[in-house]
């Protein structure tokens, strides 16, 4: 993972609940003040959902997404077919 707090890999780790708590809190705060970062996060979340529904997520991405799916009623609603 890159050190850039706004990198796609870091944002995906945030979405999958894989960031250390301190890093997640810091990124969460940035999302409220940086519209472009928030928009990128939303786009990545949409890509993850699309890829999951198409069966295109593999390995740790699929496992992480399914863990978040179990934790999040909102995410379950987004993926309901």
Protein backbone atom coordinates (compact mmCIF):
# COMPACT_ATOMS: atom_id res chain seq x y z
CA UNK A 1 0.00 0.00 0.00
CA UNK A 2 1.25 3.43 -0.79
CA UNK A 3 1.77 6.11 1.84
CA UNK A 4 -0.47 8.59 0.01
CA UNK A 5 -3.54 8.91 2.25
CA UNK A 6 -5.72 9.61 -0.79
CA UNK A 7 -4.50 6.77 -3.00
CA UNK A 8 -7.02 4.35 -4.48
CA UNK A 9 -5.49 1.42 -2.59
CA UNK A 10 -5.80 3.29 0.70
CA UNK A 11 -9.39 4.28 -0.07
CA UNK A 12 -10.24 0.66 -0.89
CA UNK A 13 -8.63 -0.45 2.36
CA UNK A 14 -10.82 2.12 4.13
CA UNK A 15 -13.94 0.79 2.42
CA UNK A 16 -13.03 -2.77 3.40
CA UNK A 17 -12.34 -1.83 7.02
CA UNK A 18 -8.66 -2.73 6.73
CA UNK A 19 -7.05 0.55 7.82
CA UNK A 20 -5.67 0.91 11.34
CA UNK A 21 -8.13 2.88 13.50
CA UNK A 22 -6.01 6.05 13.59
CA UNK A 23 -5.64 6.11 9.81
CA UNK A 24 -9.36 5.44 9.33
CA UNK A 25 -10.30 8.34 11.63
CA UNK A 26 -7.90 10.67 9.81
CA UNK A 27 -9.24 9.67 6.40
CA UNK A 28 -12.83 9.93 7.60
CA UNK A 29 -12.19 13.52 8.69
CA UNK A 30 -10.63 14.36 5.32
CA UNK A 31 -13.68 12.99 3.52
CA UNK A 32 -15.82 15.70 5.10
CA UNK A 33 -13.58 18.52 3.93
CA UNK A 34 -12.29 17.29 0.56
CA UNK A 35 -15.04 16.88 -2.01
CA UNK A 36 -12.78 15.34 -4.65
CA UNK A 37 -11.58 12.70 -2.19
CA UNK A 38 -15.16 11.91 -1.18
CA UNK A 39 -16.20 11.64 -4.83
CA UNK A 40 -13.31 9.26 -5.53
CA UNK A 41 -14.28 7.13 -2.53
CA UNK A 42 -17.87 6.93 -3.81
CA UNK A 43 -16.66 5.94 -7.27
CA UNK A 44 -14.43 3.21 -5.83
CA UNK A 45 -17.28 1.92 -3.70
CA UNK A 46 -19.51 1.74 -6.79
CA UNK A 47 -16.76 -0.15 -8.64
CA UNK A 48 -16.39 -2.62 -5.77
CA UNK A 49 -20.14 -3.22 -5.67
CA UNK A 50 -20.32 -3.66 -9.44
CA UNK A 51 -17.36 -6.04 -9.50
CA UNK A 52 -18.77 -8.03 -6.58
CA UNK A 53 -22.17 -8.40 -8.25
CA UNK A 54 -20.47 -9.53 -11.46
CA UNK A 55 -18.37 -12.08 -9.57
CA UNK A 56 -15.19 -10.25 -10.53
CA UNK A 57 -13.77 -9.66 -7.04
CA UNK A 58 -11.26 -12.27 -5.97
CA UNK A 59 -9.06 -13.06 -3.02
CA UNK A 60 -8.75 -10.57 -0.21
CA UNK A 61 -10.96 -8.00 -1.98
CA UNK A 62 -13.88 -10.44 -2.07
CA UNK A 63 -13.34 -11.54 1.53
CA UNK A 64 -13.07 -7.96 2.75
CA UNK A 65 -16.14 -6.91 0.80
CA UNK A 66 -18.17 -9.81 2.17
CA UNK A 67 -17.13 -8.92 5.72
CA UNK A 68 -18.33 -5.36 5.17
CA UNK A 69 -21.51 -6.73 3.61
CA UNK A 70 -22.25 -8.67 6.81
CA UNK A 71 -21.68 -5.54 8.92
CA UNK A 72 -23.56 -2.99 6.82
CA UNK A 73 -27.32 -3.03 6.21
CA UNK A 74 -26.86 -0.11 3.77
CA UNK A 75 -24.34 -2.10 1.74
CA UNK A 76 -26.62 -5.16 1.75
CA UNK A 77 -29.42 -2.96 0.40
CA UNK A 78 -27.12 -1.67 -2.37
CA UNK A 79 -26.23 -5.21 -3.42
CA UNK A 80 -29.72 -6.73 -3.19
CA UNK A 81 -30.86 -8.01 -6.54
